[in-house]
Amino acid sequence: MSNIITLACLLLTVSVPALMNIFVYPVSKKLSYKISDGIVRICAPLVFSILSVYKNFKFKGDKNLKEELPQQFLIMSNHQSLLDIPVYMNFLRDRDLRFVAKAELGRHVPLVSEMLRVHEHALVPRTGSPSVAMRTLDKFAERTVQRGQIPVIFPEGTRSRDGKLRNFYAAGFRRILDKAPMPVAVCALDGGYKISTLDGLIRNLQDGSYRVKILKIYPAPTCKQEQLAILEEGKALIQSQLDEWHRG
């Protein structure tokens, strides 16, 4: 019964703004922007509140290093589910986050697609000319600097279905930093892969958790070697944190 109540509350929470945005986006980008802001500020925290009340599902955001974050920085993180986006929005709700995502998410994904487009996240095509993807990242980097936003990139490039860390790809990470040098906050998250499917939601929501933690803040890299060193060491830090969480 609690599963039905939980799903009903979640659907009610996300369906109203999702439907509003679907109909409003083609007509008024300005109003769609306001609706999307509401999704970020209100819906994301509300989703975790519902999960906590009905399923004792906890959001565990580690506050260590949060006060040391600079005014602007790049988040580099592992990737487990679409819920990673609201997780970071909830964890850093006082910051204006912008995500690097695959272009397919910009179409026909309720609640997500219109928000990604109107907020001008980086929707990178996975097929076609690499130069198109690089130009998309260049414009994204320029926008985040001009607007004081926080770019977020998942170097794995795709979600981990089993929670295991996949290979990190350097191209997008380096392109953003080449265009907009800034400090890098390496973060780890865990829990999304367990609830990324309907079956997983039913089996793993009760007493589950979604964890996120800032592991290290690097000064802005000044060359390719420093960028690659951050990518390599950052991956090792994330793997170590995942191992610790999984042992626990």
C-alpha atoms as a PDB file:
ATOM      1  CA  MET A   1       0.000   0.000   0.000  1.00  0.00           C
ATOM      2  CA  SER A   2       2.842   2.386   0.852  1.00  0.00           C
ATOM      3  CA  ASN A   3       4.284   1.838  -2.644  1.00  0.00           C
ATOM      4  CA  ILE A   4       0.997   2.957  -4.210  1.00  0.00           C
ATOM      5  CA  ILE A   5       0.754   6.019  -1.967  1.00  0.00           C
ATOM      6  CA  THR A   6       4.376   6.954  -2.629  1.00  0.00           C
ATOM      7  CA  LEU A   7       4.060   6.603  -6.401  1.00  0.00           C
ATOM      8  CA  ALA A   8       0.789   8.548  -6.375  1.00  0.00           C
ATOM      9  CA  CYS A   9       2.374  11.420  -4.428  1.00  0.00           C
ATOM     10  CA  LEU A  10       5.399  11.465  -6.717  1.00  0.00           C
ATOM     11  CA  LEU A  11       3.238  11.470  -9.836  1.00  0.00           C
ATOM     12  CA  LEU A  12       1.120  14.310  -8.487  1.00  0.00           C
ATOM     13  CA  THR A  13       4.219  16.301  -7.558  1.00  0.00           C
ATOM     14  CA  VAL A  14       5.895  16.041 -10.949  1.00  0.00           C
ATOM     15  CA  SER A  15       2.963  15.674 -13.358  1.00  0.00           C
ATOM     16  CA  VAL A  16       1.408  19.104 -12.794  1.00  0.00           C
ATOM     17  CA  PRO A  17       4.557  21.180 -13.538  1.00  0.00           C
ATOM     18  CA  ALA A  18       5.555  18.726 -16.278  1.00  0.00           C
ATOM     19  CA  LEU A  19       2.242  19.128 -18.109  1.00  0.00           C
ATOM     20  CA  MET A  20       2.285  22.895 -17.624  1.00  0.00           C
ATOM     21  CA  ASN A  21       5.761  23.125 -19.102  1.00  0.00           C
ATOM     22  CA  ILE A  22       4.902  20.913 -22.078  1.00  0.00           C
ATOM     23  CA  PHE A  23       2.085  23.252 -23.095  1.00  0.00           C
ATOM     24  CA  VAL A  24       3.759  26.533 -22.097  1.00  0.00           C
ATOM     25  CA  TYR A  25       7.214  25.977 -23.615  1.00  0.00           C
ATOM     26  CA  PRO A  26       6.169  26.401 -27.295  1.00  0.00           C
ATOM     27  CA  VAL A  27       4.220  29.544 -26.430  1.00  0.00           C
ATOM     28  CA  SER A  28       6.307  31.438 -23.867  1.00  0.00           C
ATOM     29  CA  LYS A  29       9.938  30.665 -23.055  1.00  0.00           C
ATOM     30  CA  LYS A  30       9.833  33.275 -20.288  1.00  0.00           C
ATOM     31  CA  LEU A  31       6.959  31.548 -18.479  1.00  0.00           C
ATOM     32  CA  SER A  32       8.516  28.140 -19.124  1.00  0.00           C
ATOM     33  CA  TYR A  33      11.693  29.429 -17.484  1.00  0.00           C
ATOM     34  CA  LYS A  34       9.718  30.375 -14.363  1.00  0.00           C
ATOM     35  CA  ILE A  35       8.039  26.966 -14.253  1.00  0.00           C
ATOM     36  CA  SER A  36      11.427  25.282 -14.636  1.00  0.00           C
ATOM     37  CA  ASP A  37      12.801  27.384 -11.788  1.00  0.00           C
ATOM     38  CA  GLY A  38       9.929  26.119  -9.649  1.00  0.00           C
ATOM     39  CA  ILE A  39      10.779  22.533 -10.591  1.00  0.00           C
ATOM     40  CA  VAL A  40      14.346  23.088  -9.406  1.00  0.00           C
ATOM     41  CA  ARG A  41      13.538  24.973  -6.194  1.00  0.00           C
ATOM     42  CA  ILE A  42      10.365  23.180  -5.112  1.00  0.00           C
ATOM     43  CA  CYS A  43       9.874  19.831  -6.857  1.00  0.00           C
ATOM     44  CA  ALA A  44      13.374  18.430  -6.346  1.00  0.00           C
ATOM     45  CA  PRO A  45      13.385  18.869  -2.520  1.00  0.00           C
ATOM     46  CA  LEU A  46       9.725  17.784  -2.344  1.00  0.00           C
ATOM     47  CA  VAL A  47      10.461  14.497  -4.107  1.00  0.00           C
ATOM     48  CA  PHE A  48      13.006  13.570  -1.445  1.00  0.00           C
ATOM     49  CA  SER A  49      10.660  14.682   1.334  1.00  0.00           C
ATOM     50  CA  ILE A  50       7.947  12.352  -0.001  1.00  0.00           C
ATOM     51  CA  LEU A  51      10.387   9.457  -0.216  1.00  0.00           C
ATOM     52  CA  SER A  52      11.552  10.128   3.338  1.00  0.00           C
ATOM     53  CA  VAL A  53       8.038  10.274   4.795  1.00  0.00           C
ATOM     54  CA  TYR A  54       6.532   7.248   3.079  1.00  0.00           C
ATOM     55  CA  LYS A  55       9.539   4.978   2.492  1.00  0.00           C
ATOM     56  CA  ASN A  56      12.171   6.185   4.975  1.00  0.00           C
ATOM     57  CA  PHE A  57      14.371   6.829   1.935  1.00  0.00           C
ATOM     58  CA  LYS A  58      17.077   9.251   2.980  1.00  0.00           C
ATOM     59  CA  PHE A  59      18.965  11.897   1.056  1.00  0.00           C
ATOM     60  CA  LYS A  60      22.434  12.045   2.621  1.00  0.00           C
ATOM     61  CA  GLY A  61      24.295  15.123   1.441  1.00  0.00           C
ATOM     62  CA  ASP A  62      27.679  15.405   3.164  1.00  0.00           C
ATOM     63  CA  LYS A  63      28.268  19.043   4.142  1.00  0.00           C
ATOM     64  CA  ASN A  64      32.033  18.601   4.419  1.00  0.00           C
ATOM     65  CA  LEU A  65      33.830  21.056   2.081  1.00  0.00           C
ATOM     66  CA  LYS A  66      30.596  22.821   1.045  1.00  0.00           C
ATOM     67  CA  GLU A  67      31.669  26.046   2.724  1.00  0.00           C
ATOM     68  CA  GLU A  68      35.022  25.863   0.933  1.00  0.00           C
ATOM     69  CA  LEU A  69      33.475  25.863  -2.554  1.00  0.00           C
ATOM     70  CA  PRO A  70      34.563  28.926  -4.580  1.00  0.00           C
ATOM     71  CA  GLN A  71      32.158  31.290  -6.272  1.00  0.00           C
ATOM     72  CA  GLN A  72      32.340  29.336  -9.526  1.00  0.00           C
ATOM     73  CA  PHE A  73      33.635  25.828 -10.208  1.00  0.00           C
ATOM     74  CA  LEU A  74      33.095  22.727 -12.324  1.00  0.00           C
ATOM     75  CA  ILE A  75      31.549  19.628 -10.748  1.00  0.00           C
ATOM     76  CA  MET A  76      32.975  16.308 -11.941  1.00  0.00           C
ATOM     77  CA  SER A  77      30.942  13.321 -10.782  1.00  0.00           C
ATOM     78  CA  ASN A  78      30.089   9.695 -11.420  1.00  0.00           C
ATOM     79  CA  HIS A  79      26.662   9.013 -12.938  1.00  0.00           C
ATOM     80  CA  GLN A  80      24.015   6.454 -11.929  1.00  0.00           C
ATOM     81  CA  SER A  81      20.545   7.675 -12.931  1.00  0.00           C
ATOM     82  CA  LEU A  82      18.436  10.571 -14.177  1.00  0.00           C
ATOM     83  CA  LEU A  83      17.795  11.334 -10.509  1.00  0.00           C
ATOM     84  CA  ASP A  84      21.415  12.489 -10.234  1.00  0.00           C
ATOM     85  CA  ILE A  85      20.232  15.833 -11.625  1.00  0.00           C
ATOM     86  CA  PRO A  86      17.664  16.570  -8.868  1.00  0.00           C
ATOM     87  CA  VAL A  87      20.113  15.129  -6.317  1.00  0.00           C
ATOM     88  CA  TYR A  88      22.669  17.806  -7.127  1.00  0.00           C
ATOM     89  CA  MET A  89      19.967  20.462  -7.375  1.00  0.00           C
ATOM     90  CA  ASN A  90      18.867  19.488  -3.866  1.00  0.00           C
ATOM     91  CA  PHE A  91      22.408  19.239  -2.500  1.00  0.00           C
ATOM     92  CA  LEU A  92      23.504  22.636  -3.864  1.00  0.00           C
ATOM     93  CA  ARG A  93      20.159  24.408  -3.949  1.00  0.00           C
ATOM     94  CA  ASP A  94      21.806  27.795  -3.331  1.00  0.00           C
ATOM     95  CA  ARG A  95      23.765  27.452  -6.602  1.00  0.00           C
ATOM     96  CA  ASP A  96      22.612  27.726 -10.208  1.00  0.00           C
ATOM     97  CA  LEU A  97      23.625  24.379 -11.733  1.00  0.00           C
ATOM     98  CA  ARG A  98      23.831  23.524 -15.425  1.00  0.00           C
ATOM     99  CA  PHE A  99      24.385  19.968 -16.651  1.00  0.00           C
ATOM    100  CA  VAL A 100      26.104  18.359 -19.610  1.00  0.00           C
ATOM    101  CA  ALA A 101      23.587  15.789 -20.891  1.00  0.00           C
ATOM    102  CA  LYS A 102      22.946  13.781 -24.024  1.00  0.00           C
ATOM    103  CA  ALA A 103      20.781  15.537 -26.597  1.00  0.00           C
ATOM    104  CA  GLU A 104      18.123  12.792 -26.467  1.00  0.00           C
ATOM    105  CA  LEU A 105      17.077  14.001 -23.012  1.00  0.00           C
ATOM    106  CA  GLY A 106      15.964  17.260 -24.580  1.00  0.00           C
ATOM    107  CA  ARG A 107      13.025  15.519 -26.238  1.00  0.00           C
ATOM    108  CA  HIS A 108      10.027  13.588 -24.908  1.00  0.00           C
ATOM    109  CA  VAL A 109      11.178  13.097 -21.288  1.00  0.00           C
ATOM    110  CA  PRO A 110       8.421  14.405 -18.984  1.00  0.00           C
ATOM    111  CA  LEU A 111       9.512  17.107 -16.524  1.00  0.00           C
ATOM    112  CA  VAL A 112      13.099  16.970 -17.786  1.00  0.00           C
ATOM    113  CA  SER A 113      13.162  17.915 -21.481  1.00  0.00           C
ATOM    114  CA  GLU A 114      11.588  21.379 -21.396  1.00  0.00           C
ATOM    115  CA  MET A 115      13.584  22.299 -18.295  1.00  0.00           C
ATOM    116  CA  LEU A 116      16.881  21.260 -19.905  1.00  0.00           C
ATOM    117  CA  ARG A 117      16.123  23.236 -23.051  1.00  0.00           C
ATOM    118  CA  VAL A 118      14.760  26.441 -21.545  1.00  0.00           C
ATOM    119  CA  HIS A 119      17.514  26.590 -18.885  1.00  0.00           C
ATOM    120  CA  GLU A 120      20.086  26.058 -21.658  1.00  0.00           C
ATOM    121  CA  HIS A 121      21.893  23.054 -20.295  1.00  0.00           C
ATOM    122  CA  ALA A 122      24.446  21.483 -22.664  1.00  0.00           C
ATOM    123  CA  LEU A 123      22.568  18.973 -24.803  1.00  0.00           C
ATOM    124  CA  VAL A 124      25.369  17.169 -26.593  1.00  0.00           C
ATOM    125  CA  PRO A 125      24.586  14.979 -29.635  1.00  0.00           C
ATOM    126  CA  ARG A 126      26.063  11.489 -29.352  1.00  0.00           C
ATOM    127  CA  THR A 127      26.120  10.923 -33.095  1.00  0.00           C
ATOM    128  CA  GLY A 128      27.212  13.037 -36.035  1.00  0.00           C
ATOM    129  CA  SER A 129      30.175  15.347 -36.309  1.00  0.00           C
ATOM    130  CA  PRO A 130      32.354  15.679 -33.165  1.00  0.00           C
ATOM    131  CA  SER A 131      32.818  19.335 -34.044  1.00  0.00           C
ATOM    132  CA  VAL A 132      29.114  19.950 -33.367  1.00  0.00           C
ATOM    133  CA  ALA A 133      29.481  18.476 -29.875  1.00  0.00           C
ATOM    134  CA  MET A 134      32.571  20.596 -29.217  1.00  0.00           C
ATOM    135  CA  ARG A 135      30.826  23.790 -30.352  1.00  0.00           C
ATOM    136  CA  THR A 136      27.915  22.944 -28.041  1.00  0.00           C
ATOM    137  CA  LEU A 137      30.334  22.642 -25.120  1.00  0.00           C
ATOM    138  CA  ASP A 138      32.123  25.869 -26.081  1.00  0.00           C
ATOM    139  CA  LYS A 139      28.879  27.858 -26.015  1.00  0.00           C
ATOM    140  CA  PHE A 140      27.853  26.121 -22.775  1.00  0.00           C
ATOM    141  CA  ALA A 141      31.154  27.054 -21.093  1.00  0.00           C
ATOM    142  CA  GLU A 142      30.834  30.676 -22.210  1.00  0.00           C
ATOM    143  CA  ARG A 143      27.254  30.913 -20.888  1.00  0.00           C
ATOM    144  CA  THR A 144      28.105  29.485 -17.475  1.00  0.00           C
ATOM    145  CA  VAL A 145      30.951  31.969 -17.016  1.00  0.00           C
ATOM    146  CA  GLN A 146      28.871  34.949 -18.138  1.00  0.00           C
ATOM    147  CA  ARG A 147      25.960  33.969 -15.877  1.00  0.00           C
ATOM    148  CA  GLY A 148      27.938  32.754 -12.867  1.00  0.00           C
ATOM    149  CA  GLN A 149      26.517  29.233 -13.179  1.00  0.00           C
ATOM    150  CA  ILE A 150      28.006  25.933 -12.032  1.00  0.00           C
ATOM    151  CA  PRO A 151      28.627  23.405 -14.838  1.00  0.00           C
ATOM    152  CA  VAL A 152      28.251  19.726 -13.979  1.00  0.00           C
ATOM    153  CA  ILE A 153      29.768  16.958 -16.093  1.00  0.00           C
ATOM    154  CA  PHE A 154      29.614  13.173 -15.827  1.00  0.00           C
ATOM    155  CA  PRO A 155      32.821  11.951 -17.535  1.00  0.00           C
ATOM    156  CA  GLU A 156      31.488   8.385 -17.775  1.00  0.00           C
ATOM    157  CA  GLY A 157      29.199   9.688 -20.505  1.00  0.00           C
ATOM    158  CA  THR A 158      26.369   7.315 -19.614  1.00  0.00           C
ATOM    159  CA  ARG A 159      24.662   5.966 -16.520  1.00  0.00           C
ATOM    160  CA  SER A 160      26.108   3.036 -14.579  1.00  0.00           C
ATOM    161  CA  ARG A 161      23.391   0.394 -14.366  1.00  0.00           C
ATOM    162  CA  ASP A 162      25.071  -1.535 -11.528  1.00  0.00           C
ATOM    163  CA  GLY A 163      26.787   1.240  -9.557  1.00  0.00           C
ATOM    164  CA  LYS A 164      30.256   0.259 -10.754  1.00  0.00           C
ATOM    165  CA  LEU A 165      32.432   3.085 -11.997  1.00  0.00           C
ATOM    166  CA  ARG A 166      32.906   3.113 -15.763  1.00  0.00           C
ATOM    167  CA  ASN A 167      35.693   4.598 -17.888  1.00  0.00           C
ATOM    168  CA  PHE A 168      36.105   8.367 -17.727  1.00  0.00           C
ATOM    169  CA  TYR A 169      36.356  10.284 -21.010  1.00  0.00           C
ATOM    170  CA  ALA A 170      38.470  13.419 -21.106  1.00  0.00           C
ATOM    171  CA  ALA A 171      37.149  15.269 -24.172  1.00  0.00           C
ATOM    172  CA  GLY A 172      34.144  17.098 -22.708  1.00  0.00           C
ATOM    173  CA  PHE A 173      35.850  17.765 -19.384  1.00  0.00           C
ATOM    174  CA  ARG A 174      38.909  19.265 -21.056  1.00  0.00           C
ATOM    175  CA  ARG A 175      36.898  21.253 -23.606  1.00  0.00           C
ATOM    176  CA  ILE A 176      34.940  23.088 -20.909  1.00  0.00           C
ATOM    177  CA  LEU A 177      38.088  23.875 -18.919  1.00  0.00           C
ATOM    178  CA  ASP A 178      39.942  25.028 -22.038  1.00  0.00           C
ATOM    179  CA  LYS A 179      37.149  27.475 -22.800  1.00  0.00           C
ATOM    180  CA  ALA A 180      36.413  28.458 -19.210  1.00  0.00           C
ATOM    181  CA  PRO A 181      39.231  27.661 -16.745  1.00  0.00           C
ATOM    182  CA  MET A 182      37.838  27.242 -13.232  1.00  0.00           C
ATOM    183  CA  PRO A 183      38.356  25.167 -10.069  1.00  0.00           C
ATOM    184  CA  VAL A 184      37.117  21.571 -10.125  1.00  0.00           C
ATOM    185  CA  ALA A 185      35.056  19.949  -7.352  1.00  0.00           C
ATOM    186  CA  VAL A 186      35.241  16.163  -7.537  1.00  0.00           C
ATOM    187  CA  CYS A 187      32.045  14.643  -6.152  1.00  0.00           C
ATOM    188  CA  ALA A 188      30.750  11.109  -5.620  1.00  0.00           C
ATOM    189  CA  LEU A 189      27.162   9.941  -5.477  1.00  0.00           C
ATOM    190  CA  ASP A 190      25.588   6.554  -4.872  1.00  0.00           C
ATOM    191  CA  GLY A 191      22.135   4.997  -4.719  1.00  0.00           C
ATOM    192  CA  GLY A 192      20.654   5.967  -8.066  1.00  0.00           C
ATOM    193  CA  TYR A 193      21.351   2.699  -9.852  1.00  0.00           C
ATOM    194  CA  LYS A 194      19.198   0.849  -7.320  1.00  0.00           C
ATOM    195  CA  ILE A 195      16.069   2.852  -8.171  1.00  0.00           C
ATOM    196  CA  SER A 196      16.594   3.590 -11.861  1.00  0.00           C
ATOM    197  CA  THR A 197      13.874   1.120 -12.946  1.00  0.00           C
ATOM    198  CA  LEU A 198      10.290   0.508 -11.806  1.00  0.00           C
ATOM    199  CA  ASP A 199      11.319  -2.847 -10.356  1.00  0.00           C
ATOM    200  CA  GLY A 200      14.172  -1.171  -8.517  1.00  0.00           C
ATOM    201  CA  LEU A 201      11.830   1.475  -7.141  1.00  0.00           C
ATOM    202  CA  ILE A 202       9.533  -1.188  -5.722  1.00  0.00           C
ATOM    203  CA  ARG A 203      12.330  -3.312  -4.241  1.00  0.00           C
ATOM    204  CA  ASN A 204      14.869  -0.744  -3.027  1.00  0.00           C
ATOM    205  CA  LEU A 205      13.049   2.421  -1.977  1.00  0.00           C
ATOM    206  CA  GLN A 206      12.196   1.243   1.535  1.00  0.00           C
ATOM    207  CA  ASP A 207      14.965   2.338   3.935  1.00  0.00           C
ATOM    208  CA  GLY A 208      17.208   3.171   0.981  1.00  0.00           C
ATOM    209  CA  SER A 209      19.414   6.207   0.510  1.00  0.00           C
ATOM    210  CA  TYR A 210      20.966   8.523  -2.053  1.00  0.00           C
ATOM    211  CA  ARG A 211      24.377   9.797  -1.007  1.00  0.00           C
ATOM    212  CA  VAL A 212      26.439  12.659  -2.373  1.00  0.00           C
ATOM    213  CA  LYS A 213      29.752  14.021  -1.147  1.00  0.00           C
ATOM    214  CA  ILE A 214      32.374  16.557  -2.241  1.00  0.00           C
ATOM    215  CA  LEU A 215      35.695  14.712  -2.167  1.00  0.00           C
ATOM    216  CA  LYS A 216      38.240  17.345  -3.192  1.00  0.00           C
ATOM    217  CA  ILE A 217      38.394  20.853  -4.643  1.00  0.00           C
ATOM    218  CA  TYR A 218      41.197  21.497  -7.134  1.00  0.00           C
ATOM    219  CA  PRO A 219      42.411  24.913  -8.252  1.00  0.00           C
ATOM    220  CA  ALA A 220      41.787  25.722 -11.902  1.00  0.00           C
ATOM    221  CA  PRO A 221      44.126  23.591 -14.046  1.00  0.00           C
ATOM    222  CA  THR A 222      46.454  25.593 -16.263  1.00  0.00           C
ATOM    223  CA  CYS A 223      47.428  22.963 -18.842  1.00  0.00           C
ATOM    224  CA  LYS A 224      46.414  19.657 -20.398  1.00  0.00           C
ATOM    225  CA  GLN A 225      48.611  17.669 -18.010  1.00  0.00           C
ATOM    226  CA  GLU A 226      46.920  19.204 -14.963  1.00  0.00           C
ATOM    227  CA  GLN A 227      43.479  18.551 -16.440  1.00  0.00           C
ATOM    228  CA  LEU A 228      44.291  14.883 -17.057  1.00  0.00           C
ATOM    229  CA  ALA A 229      45.827  14.544 -13.595  1.00  0.00           C
ATOM    230  CA  ILE A 230      42.600  15.830 -12.004  1.00  0.00           C
ATOM    231  CA  LEU A 231      40.539  13.454 -14.131  1.00  0.00           C
ATOM    232  CA  GLU A 232      42.686  10.466 -13.167  1.00  0.00           C
ATOM    233  CA  GLU A 233      42.991  11.277  -9.473  1.00  0.00           C
ATOM    234  CA  GLY A 234      39.342  12.308  -9.285  1.00  0.00           C
ATOM    235  CA  LYS A 235      38.240   8.948 -10.645  1.00  0.00           C
ATOM    236  CA  ALA A 236      40.392   7.175  -8.046  1.00  0.00           C
ATOM    237  CA  LEU A 237      38.855   9.307  -5.268  1.00  0.00           C
ATOM    238  CA  ILE A 238      35.337   8.497  -6.453  1.00  0.00           C
ATOM    239  CA  GLN A 239      36.135   4.781  -6.660  1.00  0.00           C
ATOM    240  CA  SER A 240      37.551   4.836  -3.138  1.00  0.00           C
ATOM    241  CA  GLN A 241      34.442   6.595  -1.814  1.00  0.00           C
ATOM    242  CA  LEU A 242      32.113   4.142  -3.573  1.00  0.00           C
ATOM    243  CA  ASP A 243      34.068   1.233  -2.105  1.00  0.00           C
ATOM    244  CA  GLU A 244      33.715   2.738   1.374  1.00  0.00           C
ATOM    245  CA  TRP A 245      29.966   3.275   0.988  1.00  0.00           C
ATOM    246  CA  HIS A 246      29.395  -0.209  -0.401  1.00  0.00           C
ATOM    247  CA  ARG A 247      31.346  -1.812   2.434  1.00  0.00           C
ATOM    248  CA  GLY A 248      29.200   0.134   4.881  1.00  0.00           C
END
